[in-house]
């Protein structure tokens, strides 16, 4: 996406969209890394 937007639109759009998309994907990964689990007697 960064490559295509840089080529087809312009550099500003390519960089901004790439950074924004990367940030959103990072937040998604971070949220998926959060675990809420019930403790059993073994824990």
ModelCIF file with pLDDT and N, C-alpha, C, O atoms, coordinates in Angstrom:
data_MODEL
#
_entry.id   MODEL 
#
_entity.id                         1 
_entity.type                       polymer 
_entity.pdbx_number_of_molecules   1 
#
_entity_poly.entity_id                      1 
_entity_poly.type                           'polypeptide(L)' 
_entity_poly.nstd_linkage                   no 
_entity_poly.nstd_monomer                   no 
_entity_poly.pdbx_seq_one_letter_code       
;(UNK)(UNK)(UNK)(UNK)(UNK)(UNK)(UNK)(UNK)(UNK)(UNK)(UNK)(UNK)(UNK)(UNK)(UNK)(UNK)
(UNK)(UNK)(UNK)(UNK)(UNK)(UNK)(UNK)(UNK)(UNK)(UNK)(UNK)(UNK)(UNK)(UNK)(UNK)(UNK)
(UNK)(UNK)(UNK)(UNK)(UNK)(UNK)(UNK)(UNK)(UNK)(UNK)(UNK)
;
_entity_poly.pdbx_seq_one_letter_code_can   XXXXXXXXXXXXXXXXXXXXXXXXXXXXXXXXXXXXXXXXXXX 
_entity_poly.pdbx_strand_id                 A 
#
loop_
_entity_poly_seq.entity_id 
_entity_poly_seq.num 
_entity_poly_seq.mon_id 
_entity_poly_seq.hetero 
1 1  UNK n 
1 2  UNK n 
1 3  UNK n 
1 4  UNK n 
1 5  UNK n 
1 6  UNK n 
1 7  UNK n 
1 8  UNK n 
1 9  UNK n 
1 10 UNK n 
1 11 UNK n 
1 12 UNK n 
1 13 UNK n 
1 14 UNK n 
1 15 UNK n 
1 16 UNK n 
1 17 UNK n 
1 18 UNK n 
1 19 UNK n 
1 20 UNK n 
1 21 UNK n 
1 22 UNK n 
1 23 UNK n 
1 24 UNK n 
1 25 UNK n 
1 26 UNK n 
1 27 UNK n 
1 28 UNK n 
1 29 UNK n 
1 30 UNK n 
1 31 UNK n 
1 32 UNK n 
1 33 UNK n 
1 34 UNK n 
1 35 UNK n 
1 36 UNK n 
1 37 UNK n 
1 38 UNK n 
1 39 UNK n 
1 40 UNK n 
1 41 UNK n 
1 42 UNK n 
1 43 UNK n 
#
_struct_asym.id          A 
_struct_asym.entity_id   1 
#
loop_
_ma_qa_metric.id 
_ma_qa_metric.mode 
_ma_qa_metric.name 
_ma_qa_metric.software_group_id 
_ma_qa_metric.type 
1 global pLDDT . pLDDT 
2 local  pLDDT . pLDDT 
#
_ma_qa_metric_global.metric_id      1 
_ma_qa_metric_global.metric_value   84.30 
_ma_qa_metric_global.model_id       1 
_ma_qa_metric_global.ordinal_id     1 
#
loop_
_ma_qa_metric_local.label_asym_id 
_ma_qa_metric_local.label_comp_id 
_ma_qa_metric_local.label_seq_id 
_ma_qa_metric_local.metric_id 
_ma_qa_metric_local.metric_value 
_ma_qa_metric_local.model_id 
_ma_qa_metric_local.ordinal_id 
A UNK 1  2 94.00 1 1  
A UNK 2  2 92.00 1 2  
A UNK 3  2 94.00 1 3  
A UNK 4  2 94.00 1 4  
A UNK 5  2 91.00 1 5  
A UNK 6  2 88.00 1 6  
A UNK 7  2 90.00 1 7  
A UNK 8  2 89.00 1 8  
A UNK 9  2 84.00 1 9  
A UNK 10 2 78.00 1 10 
A UNK 11 2 74.00 1 11 
A UNK 12 2 74.00 1 12 
A UNK 13 2 82.00 1 13 
A UNK 14 2 84.00 1 14 
A UNK 15 2 79.00 1 15 
A UNK 16 2 81.00 1 16 
A UNK 17 2 87.00 1 17 
A UNK 18 2 87.00 1 18 
A UNK 19 2 84.00 1 19 
A UNK 20 2 88.00 1 20 
A UNK 21 2 89.00 1 21 
A UNK 22 2 87.00 1 22 
A UNK 23 2 86.00 1 23 
A UNK 24 2 88.00 1 24 
A UNK 25 2 87.00 1 25 
A UNK 26 2 86.00 1 26 
A UNK 27 2 84.00 1 27 
A UNK 28 2 85.00 1 28 
A UNK 29 2 86.00 1 29 
A UNK 30 2 85.00 1 30 
A UNK 31 2 84.00 1 31 
A UNK 32 2 84.00 1 32 
A UNK 33 2 85.00 1 33 
A UNK 34 2 88.00 1 34 
A UNK 35 2 89.00 1 35 
A UNK 36 2 88.00 1 36 
A UNK 37 2 86.00 1 37 
A UNK 38 2 85.00 1 38 
A UNK 39 2 81.00 1 39 
A UNK 40 2 74.00 1 40 
A UNK 41 2 66.00 1 41 
A UNK 42 2 69.00 1 42 
A UNK 43 2 69.00 1 43 
#
loop_
_atom_site.group_PDB 
_atom_site.id 
_atom_site.type_symbol 
_atom_site.label_atom_id 
_atom_site.label_alt_id 
_atom_site.label_comp_id 
_atom_site.label_asym_id 
_atom_site.label_entity_id 
_atom_site.label_seq_id 
_atom_site.pdbx_PDB_ins_code 
_atom_site.Cartn_x 
_atom_site.Cartn_y 
_atom_site.Cartn_z 
_atom_site.occupancy 
_atom_site.B_iso_or_equiv 
_atom_site.pdbx_formal_charge 
_atom_site.auth_seq_id 
_atom_site.auth_comp_id 
_atom_site.auth_asym_id 
_atom_site.auth_atom_id 
_atom_site.pdbx_PDB_model_num 
ATOM 1   N N  . UNK A 1 1  ? 0.834  -1.210  0.000  1.00 94.00 ? 1  UNK A N  1 
ATOM 2   C CA . UNK A 1 1  ? 0.000  0.000   0.000  1.00 94.00 ? 1  UNK A CA 1 
ATOM 3   C C  . UNK A 1 1  ? 0.867  1.258   0.000  1.00 94.00 ? 1  UNK A C  1 
ATOM 4   O O  . UNK A 1 1  ? 0.574  2.207   -0.727 1.00 94.00 ? 1  UNK A O  1 
ATOM 5   N N  . UNK A 1 2  ? 1.929  1.277   0.805  1.00 92.00 ? 2  UNK A N  1 
ATOM 6   C CA . UNK A 1 2  ? 2.846  2.430   0.817  1.00 92.00 ? 2  UNK A CA 1 
ATOM 7   C C  . UNK A 1 2  ? 3.455  2.640   -0.568 1.00 92.00 ? 2  UNK A C  1 
ATOM 8   O O  . UNK A 1 2  ? 3.556  3.769   -1.047 1.00 92.00 ? 2  UNK A O  1 
ATOM 9   N N  . UNK A 1 3  ? 3.858  1.544   -1.203 1.00 94.00 ? 3  UNK A N  1 
ATOM 10  C CA . UNK A 1 3  ? 4.455  1.621   -2.537 1.00 94.00 ? 3  UNK A CA 1 
ATOM 11  C C  . UNK A 1 3  ? 3.458  2.154   -3.559 1.00 94.00 ? 3  UNK A C  1 
ATOM 12  O O  . UNK A 1 3  ? 3.769  3.087   -4.299 1.00 94.00 ? 3  UNK A O  1 
ATOM 13  N N  . UNK A 1 4  ? 2.264  1.569   -3.604 1.00 94.00 ? 4  UNK A N  1 
ATOM 14  C CA . UNK A 1 4  ? 1.278  1.941   -4.612 1.00 94.00 ? 4  UNK A CA 1 
ATOM 15  C C  . UNK A 1 4  ? 0.805  3.386   -4.440 1.00 94.00 ? 4  UNK A C  1 
ATOM 16  O O  . UNK A 1 4  ? 0.663  4.114   -5.422 1.00 94.00 ? 4  UNK A O  1 
ATOM 17  N N  . UNK A 1 5  ? 0.561  3.800   -3.192 1.00 91.00 ? 5  UNK A N  1 
ATOM 18  C CA . UNK A 1 5  ? 0.101  5.170   -2.978 1.00 91.00 ? 5  UNK A CA 1 
ATOM 19  C C  . UNK A 1 5  ? 1.195  6.185   -3.294 1.00 91.00 ? 5  UNK A C  1 
ATOM 20  O O  . UNK A 1 5  ? 0.902  7.269   -3.797 1.00 91.00 ? 5  UNK A O  1 
ATOM 21  N N  . UNK A 1 6  ? 2.451  5.849   -3.006 1.00 88.00 ? 6  UNK A N  1 
ATOM 22  C CA . UNK A 1 6  ? 3.559  6.735   -3.358 1.00 88.00 ? 6  UNK A CA 1 
ATOM 23  C C  . UNK A 1 6  ? 3.633  6.922   -4.870 1.00 88.00 ? 6  UNK A C  1 
ATOM 24  O O  . UNK A 1 6  ? 3.844  8.033   -5.357 1.00 88.00 ? 6  UNK A O  1 
ATOM 25  N N  . UNK A 1 7  ? 3.459  5.835   -5.604 1.00 90.00 ? 7  UNK A N  1 
ATOM 26  C CA . UNK A 1 7  ? 3.568  5.886   -7.063 1.00 90.00 ? 7  UNK A CA 1 
ATOM 27  C C  . UNK A 1 7  ? 2.323  6.518   -7.688 1.00 90.00 ? 7  UNK A C  1 
ATOM 28  O O  . UNK A 1 7  ? 2.440  7.405   -8.534 1.00 90.00 ? 7  UNK A O  1 
ATOM 29  N N  . UNK A 1 8  ? 1.145  6.076   -7.285 1.00 89.00 ? 8  UNK A N  1 
ATOM 30  C CA . UNK A 1 8  ? -0.086 6.471   -7.968 1.00 89.00 ? 8  UNK A CA 1 
ATOM 31  C C  . UNK A 1 8  ? -0.680 7.778   -7.453 1.00 89.00 ? 8  UNK A C  1 
ATOM 32  O O  . UNK A 1 8  ? -1.389 8.457   -8.195 1.00 89.00 ? 8  UNK A O  1 
ATOM 33  N N  . UNK A 1 9  ? -0.408 8.150   -6.191 1.00 84.00 ? 9  UNK A N  1 
ATOM 34  C CA . UNK A 1 9  ? -0.947 9.402   -5.647 1.00 84.00 ? 9  UNK A CA 1 
ATOM 35  C C  . UNK A 1 9  ? 0.213  10.367  -5.410 1.00 84.00 ? 9  UNK A C  1 
ATOM 36  O O  . UNK A 1 9  ? 0.525  11.180  -6.279 1.00 84.00 ? 9  UNK A O  1 
ATOM 37  N N  . UNK A 1 10 ? 0.847  10.287  -4.259 1.00 78.00 ? 10 UNK A N  1 
ATOM 38  C CA . UNK A 1 10 ? 2.085  11.028  -4.014 1.00 78.00 ? 10 UNK A CA 1 
ATOM 39  C C  . UNK A 1 10 ? 2.743  10.508  -2.744 1.00 78.00 ? 10 UNK A C  1 
ATOM 40  O O  . UNK A 1 10 ? 2.182  9.688   -2.017 1.00 78.00 ? 10 UNK A O  1 
ATOM 41  N N  . UNK A 1 11 ? 3.936  11.005  -2.503 1.00 74.00 ? 11 UNK A N  1 
ATOM 42  C CA . UNK A 1 11 ? 4.750  10.518  -1.382 1.00 74.00 ? 11 UNK A CA 1 
ATOM 43  C C  . UNK A 1 11 ? 4.075  10.789  -0.045 1.00 74.00 ? 11 UNK A C  1 
ATOM 44  O O  . UNK A 1 11 ? 4.101  9.933   0.840  1.00 74.00 ? 11 UNK A O  1 
ATOM 45  N N  . UNK A 1 12 ? 3.472  11.959  0.118  1.00 74.00 ? 12 UNK A N  1 
ATOM 46  C CA . UNK A 1 12 ? 2.867  12.317  1.403  1.00 74.00 ? 12 UNK A CA 1 
ATOM 47  C C  . UNK A 1 12 ? 1.770  11.328  1.763  1.00 74.00 ? 12 UNK A C  1 
ATOM 48  O O  . UNK A 1 12 ? 1.723  10.822  2.885  1.00 74.00 ? 12 UNK A O  1 
ATOM 49  N N  . UNK A 1 13 ? 0.889  11.055  0.809  1.00 82.00 ? 13 UNK A N  1 
ATOM 50  C CA . UNK A 1 13 ? -0.197 10.109  1.053  1.00 82.00 ? 13 UNK A CA 1 
ATOM 51  C C  . UNK A 1 13 ? 0.362  8.719   1.330  1.00 82.00 ? 13 UNK A C  1 
ATOM 52  O O  . UNK A 1 13 ? -0.127 8.021   2.219  1.00 82.00 ? 13 UNK A O  1 
ATOM 53  N N  . UNK A 1 14 ? 1.381  8.310   0.577  1.00 84.00 ? 14 UNK A N  1 
ATOM 54  C CA . UNK A 1 14 ? 1.969  6.983   0.763  1.00 84.00 ? 14 UNK A CA 1 
ATOM 55  C C  . UNK A 1 14 ? 2.546  6.794   2.147  1.00 84.00 ? 14 UNK A C  1 
ATOM 56  O O  . UNK A 1 14 ? 2.301  5.772   2.789  1.00 84.00 ? 14 UNK A O  1 
ATOM 57  N N  . UNK A 1 15 ? 3.320  7.779   2.623  1.00 79.00 ? 15 UNK A N  1 
ATOM 58  C CA . UNK A 1 15 ? 3.949  7.666   3.942  1.00 79.00 ? 15 UNK A CA 1 
ATOM 59  C C  . UNK A 1 15 ? 2.888  7.728   5.044  1.00 79.00 ? 15 UNK A C  1 
ATOM 60  O O  . UNK A 1 15 ? 2.893  6.906   5.960  1.00 79.00 ? 15 UNK A O  1 
ATOM 61  N N  . UNK A 1 16 ? 1.977  8.705   4.955  1.00 81.00 ? 16 UNK A N  1 
ATOM 62  C CA . UNK A 1 16 ? 0.976  8.861   6.010  1.00 81.00 ? 16 UNK A CA 1 
ATOM 63  C C  . UNK A 1 16 ? 0.068  7.633   6.100  1.00 81.00 ? 16 UNK A C  1 
ATOM 64  O O  . UNK A 1 16 ? -0.214 7.142   7.193  1.00 81.00 ? 16 UNK A O  1 
ATOM 65  N N  . UNK A 1 17 ? -0.386 7.145   4.952  1.00 87.00 ? 17 UNK A N  1 
ATOM 66  C CA . UNK A 1 17 ? -1.259 5.969   4.959  1.00 87.00 ? 17 UNK A CA 1 
ATOM 67  C C  . UNK A 1 17 ? -0.506 4.745   5.467  1.00 87.00 ? 17 UNK A C  1 
ATOM 68  O O  . UNK A 1 17 ? -1.063 3.936   6.209  1.00 87.00 ? 17 UNK A O  1 
ATOM 69  N N  . UNK A 1 18 ? 0.758  4.606   5.071  1.00 87.00 ? 18 UNK A N  1 
ATOM 70  C CA . UNK A 1 18 ? 1.549  3.463   5.529  1.00 87.00 ? 18 UNK A CA 1 
ATOM 71  C C  . UNK A 1 18 ? 1.749  3.472   7.025  1.00 87.00 ? 18 UNK A C  1 
ATOM 72  O O  . UNK A 1 18 ? 1.592  2.447   7.689  1.00 87.00 ? 18 UNK A O  1 
ATOM 73  N N  . UNK A 1 19 ? 2.101  4.646   7.564  1.00 84.00 ? 19 UNK A N  1 
ATOM 74  C CA . UNK A 1 19 ? 2.318  4.755   9.014  1.00 84.00 ? 19 UNK A CA 1 
ATOM 75  C C  . UNK A 1 19 ? 1.014  4.504   9.768  1.00 84.00 ? 19 UNK A C  1 
ATOM 76  O O  . UNK A 1 19 ? 1.008  3.796   10.775 1.00 84.00 ? 19 UNK A O  1 
ATOM 77  N N  . UNK A 1 20 ? -0.095 5.083   9.285  1.00 88.00 ? 20 UNK A N  1 
ATOM 78  C CA . UNK A 1 20 ? -1.384 4.897   9.951  1.00 88.00 ? 20 UNK A CA 1 
ATOM 79  C C  . UNK A 1 20 ? -1.806 3.429   9.926  1.00 88.00 ? 20 UNK A C  1 
ATOM 80  O O  . UNK A 1 20 ? -2.252 2.890   10.940 1.00 88.00 ? 20 UNK A O  1 
ATOM 81  N N  . UNK A 1 21 ? -1.665 2.786   8.774  1.00 89.00 ? 21 UNK A N  1 
ATOM 82  C CA . UNK A 1 21 ? -2.036 1.379   8.673  1.00 89.00 ? 21 UNK A CA 1 
ATOM 83  C C  . UNK A 1 21 ? -1.150 0.514   9.562  1.00 89.00 ? 21 UNK A C  1 
ATOM 84  O O  . UNK A 1 21 ? -1.637 -0.399  10.229 1.00 89.00 ? 21 UNK A O  1 
ATOM 85  N N  . UNK A 1 22 ? 0.160  0.803   9.571  1.00 87.00 ? 22 UNK A N  1 
ATOM 86  C CA . UNK A 1 22 ? 1.074  0.041   10.420 1.00 87.00 ? 22 UNK A CA 1 
ATOM 87  C C  . UNK A 1 22 ? 0.721  0.226   11.896 1.00 87.00 ? 22 UNK A C  1 
ATOM 88  O O  . UNK A 1 22 ? 0.803  -0.723  12.676 1.00 87.00 ? 22 UNK A O  1 
ATOM 89  N N  . UNK A 1 23 ? 0.330  1.440   12.280 1.00 86.00 ? 23 UNK A N  1 
ATOM 90  C CA . UNK A 1 23 ? -0.050 1.710   13.671 1.00 86.00 ? 23 UNK A CA 1 
ATOM 91  C C  . UNK A 1 23 ? -1.299 0.913   14.054 1.00 86.00 ? 23 UNK A C  1 
ATOM 92  O O  . UNK A 1 23 ? -1.362 0.322   15.133 1.00 86.00 ? 23 UNK A O  1 
ATOM 93  N N  . UNK A 1 24 ? -2.296 0.903   13.152 1.00 88.00 ? 24 UNK A N  1 
ATOM 94  C CA . UNK A 1 24 ? -3.521 0.169   13.437 1.00 88.00 ? 24 UNK A CA 1 
ATOM 95  C C  . UNK A 1 24 ? -3.257 -1.334  13.553 1.00 88.00 ? 24 UNK A C  1 
ATOM 96  O O  . UNK A 1 24 ? -3.824 -2.006  14.414 1.00 88.00 ? 24 UNK A O  1 
ATOM 97  N N  . UNK A 1 25 ? -2.406 -1.844  12.692 1.00 87.00 ? 25 UNK A N  1 
ATOM 98  C CA . UNK A 1 25 ? -2.068 -3.273  12.758 1.00 87.00 ? 25 UNK A CA 1 
ATOM 99  C C  . UNK A 1 25 ? -1.301 -3.591  14.040 1.00 87.00 ? 25 UNK A C  1 
ATOM 100 O O  . UNK A 1 25 ? -1.484 -4.649  14.642 1.00 87.00 ? 25 UNK A O  1 
ATOM 101 N N  . UNK A 1 26 ? -0.439 -2.655  14.447 1.00 86.00 ? 26 UNK A N  1 
ATOM 102 C CA . UNK A 1 26 ? 0.302  -2.857  15.698 1.00 86.00 ? 26 UNK A CA 1 
ATOM 103 C C  . UNK A 1 26 ? -0.653 -2.886  16.891 1.00 86.00 ? 26 UNK A C  1 
ATOM 104 O O  . UNK A 1 26 ? -0.520 -3.728  17.779 1.00 86.00 ? 26 UNK A O  1 
ATOM 105 N N  . UNK A 1 27 ? -1.611 -1.967  16.906 1.00 84.00 ? 27 UNK A N  1 
ATOM 106 C CA . UNK A 1 27 ? -2.578 -1.948  18.001 1.00 84.00 ? 27 UNK A CA 1 
ATOM 107 C C  . UNK A 1 27 ? -3.401 -3.234  18.017 1.00 84.00 ? 27 UNK A C  1 
ATOM 108 O O  . UNK A 1 27 ? -3.701 -3.769  19.084 1.00 84.00 ? 27 UNK A O  1 
ATOM 109 N N  . UNK A 1 28 ? -3.760 -3.720  16.847 1.00 85.00 ? 28 UNK A N  1 
ATOM 110 C CA . UNK A 1 28 ? -4.506 -4.974  16.772 1.00 85.00 ? 28 UNK A CA 1 
ATOM 111 C C  . UNK A 1 28 ? -3.679 -6.121  17.358 1.00 85.00 ? 28 UNK A C  1 
ATOM 112 O O  . UNK A 1 28 ? -4.184 -6.945  18.121 1.00 85.00 ? 28 UNK A O  1 
ATOM 113 N N  . UNK A 1 29 ? -2.399 -6.153  16.982 1.00 86.00 ? 29 UNK A N  1 
ATOM 114 C CA . UNK A 1 29 ? -1.533 -7.217  17.508 1.00 86.00 ? 29 UNK A CA 1 
ATOM 115 C C  . UNK A 1 29 ? -1.369 -7.087  19.013 1.00 86.00 ? 29 UNK A C  1 
ATOM 116 O O  . UNK A 1 29 ? -1.365 -8.084  19.734 1.00 86.00 ? 29 UNK A O  1 
ATOM 117 N N  . UNK A 1 30 ? -1.233 -5.850  19.485 1.00 85.00 ? 30 UNK A N  1 
ATOM 118 C CA . UNK A 1 30 ? -1.090 -5.633  20.923 1.00 85.00 ? 30 UNK A CA 1 
ATOM 119 C C  . UNK A 1 30 ? -2.337 -6.069  21.669 1.00 85.00 ? 30 UNK A C  1 
ATOM 120 O O  . UNK A 1 30 ? -2.250 -6.689  22.729 1.00 85.00 ? 30 UNK A O  1 
ATOM 121 N N  . UNK A 1 31 ? -3.506 -5.743  21.112 1.00 84.00 ? 31 UNK A N  1 
ATOM 122 C CA . UNK A 1 31 ? -4.748 -6.133  21.785 1.00 84.00 ? 31 UNK A CA 1 
ATOM 123 C C  . UNK A 1 31 ? -4.893 -7.654  21.810 1.00 84.00 ? 31 UNK A C  1 
ATOM 124 O O  . UNK A 1 31 ? -5.412 -8.219  22.773 1.00 84.00 ? 31 UNK A O  1 
ATOM 125 N N  . UNK A 1 32 ? -4.432 -8.310  20.748 1.00 84.00 ? 32 UNK A N  1 
ATOM 126 C CA . UNK A 1 32 ? -4.513 -9.769  20.713 1.00 84.00 ? 32 UNK A CA 1 
ATOM 127 C C  . UNK A 1 32 ? -3.534 -10.419 21.683 1.00 84.00 ? 32 UNK A C  1 
ATOM 128 O O  . UNK A 1 32 ? -3.710 -11.571 22.079 1.00 84.00 ? 32 UNK A O  1 
ATOM 129 N N  . UNK A 1 33 ? -2.496 -9.666  22.062 1.00 85.00 ? 33 UNK A N  1 
ATOM 130 C CA . UNK A 1 33 ? -1.521 -10.222 23.006 1.00 85.00 ? 33 UNK A CA 1 
ATOM 131 C C  . UNK A 1 33 ? -2.017 -10.158 24.451 1.00 85.00 ? 33 UNK A C  1 
ATOM 132 O O  . UNK A 1 33 ? -1.447 -10.798 25.334 1.00 85.00 ? 33 UNK A O  1 
ATOM 133 N N  . UNK A 1 34 ? -3.084 -9.382  24.692 1.00 88.00 ? 34 UNK A N  1 
ATOM 134 C CA . UNK A 1 34 ? -3.638 -9.280  26.045 1.00 88.00 ? 34 UNK A CA 1 
ATOM 135 C C  . UNK A 1 34 ? -4.478 -10.525 26.326 1.00 88.00 ? 34 UNK A C  1 
ATOM 136 O O  . UNK A 1 34 ? -5.350 -10.890 25.537 1.00 88.00 ? 34 UNK A O  1 
ATOM 137 N N  . UNK A 1 35 ? -4.208 -11.158 27.438 1.00 89.00 ? 35 UNK A N  1 
ATOM 138 C CA . UNK A 1 35 ? -4.912 -12.396 27.799 1.00 89.00 ? 35 UNK A CA 1 
ATOM 139 C C  . UNK A 1 35 ? -5.615 -12.209 29.139 1.00 89.00 ? 35 UNK A C  1 
ATOM 140 O O  . UNK A 1 35 ? -4.997 -11.824 30.132 1.00 89.00 ? 35 UNK A O  1 
ATOM 141 N N  . UNK A 1 36 ? -6.906 -12.486 29.150 1.00 88.00 ? 36 UNK A N  1 
ATOM 142 C CA . UNK A 1 36 ? -7.682 -12.480 30.396 1.00 88.00 ? 36 UNK A CA 1 
ATOM 143 C C  . UNK A 1 36 ? -8.136 -13.915 30.631 1.00 88.00 ? 36 UNK A C  1 
ATOM 144 O O  . UNK A 1 36 ? -8.964 -14.440 29.886 1.00 88.00 ? 36 UNK A O  1 
ATOM 145 N N  . UNK A 1 37 ? -7.603 -14.537 31.651 1.00 86.00 ? 37 UNK A N  1 
ATOM 146 C CA . UNK A 1 37 ? -7.866 -15.963 31.868 1.00 86.00 ? 37 UNK A CA 1 
ATOM 147 C C  . UNK A 1 37 ? -8.267 -16.233 33.310 1.00 86.00 ? 37 UNK A C  1 
ATOM 148 O O  . UNK A 1 37 ? -7.818 -15.557 34.236 1.00 86.00 ? 37 UNK A O  1 
ATOM 149 N N  . UNK A 1 38 ? -9.125 -17.240 33.477 1.00 85.00 ? 38 UNK A N  1 
ATOM 150 C CA . UNK A 1 38 ? -9.539 -17.667 34.812 1.00 85.00 ? 38 UNK A CA 1 
ATOM 151 C C  . UNK A 1 38 ? -8.439 -18.520 35.429 1.00 85.00 ? 38 UNK A C  1 
ATOM 152 O O  . UNK A 1 38 ? -7.876 -19.395 34.770 1.00 85.00 ? 38 UNK A O  1 
ATOM 153 N N  . UNK A 1 39 ? -8.139 -18.261 36.693 1.00 81.00 ? 39 UNK A N  1 
ATOM 154 C CA . UNK A 1 39 ? -7.149 -19.062 37.422 1.00 81.00 ? 39 UNK A CA 1 
ATOM 155 C C  . UNK A 1 39 ? -7.830 -20.290 38.016 1.00 81.00 ? 39 UNK A C  1 
ATOM 156 O O  . UNK A 1 39 ? -8.826 -20.181 38.731 1.00 81.00 ? 39 UNK A O  1 
ATOM 157 N N  . UNK A 1 40 ? -7.281 -21.444 37.710 1.00 74.00 ? 40 UNK A N  1 
ATOM 158 C CA . UNK A 1 40 ? -7.771 -22.688 38.320 1.00 74.00 ? 40 UNK A CA 1 
ATOM 159 C C  . UNK A 1 40 ? -6.952 -22.988 39.557 1.00 74.00 ? 40 UNK A C  1 
ATOM 160 O O  . UNK A 1 40 ? -6.021 -22.259 39.900 1.00 74.00 ? 40 UNK A O  1 
ATOM 161 N N  . UNK A 1 41 ? -7.311 -24.061 40.213 1.00 66.00 ? 41 UNK A N  1 
ATOM 162 C CA . UNK A 1 41 ? -6.568 -24.471 41.420 1.00 66.00 ? 41 UNK A CA 1 
ATOM 163 C C  . UNK A 1 41 ? -5.108 -24.744 41.102 1.00 66.00 ? 41 UNK A C  1 
ATOM 164 O O  . UNK A 1 41 ? -4.234 -24.562 41.950 1.00 66.00 ? 41 UNK A O  1 
ATOM 165 N N  . UNK A 1 42 ? -4.845 -25.190 39.852 1.00 69.00 ? 42 UNK A N  1 
ATOM 166 C CA . UNK A 1 42 ? -3.460 -25.495 39.472 1.00 69.00 ? 42 UNK A CA 1 
ATOM 167 C C  . UNK A 1 42 ? -2.623 -24.236 39.322 1.00 69.00 ? 42 UNK A C  1 
ATOM 168 O O  . UNK A 1 42 ? -1.396 -24.303 39.397 1.00 69.00 ? 42 UNK A O  1 
ATOM 169 N N  . UNK A 1 43 ? -3.268 -23.078 39.111 1.00 69.00 ? 43 UNK A N  1 
ATOM 170 C CA . UNK A 1 43 ? -2.528 -21.828 38.930 1.00 69.00 ? 43 UNK A CA 1 
ATOM 171 C C  . UNK A 1 43 ? -2.162 -21.173 40.254 1.00 69.00 ? 43 UNK A C  1 
ATOM 172 O O  . UNK A 1 43 ? -1.537 -20.113 40.265 1.00 69.00 ? 43 UNK A O  1 
#
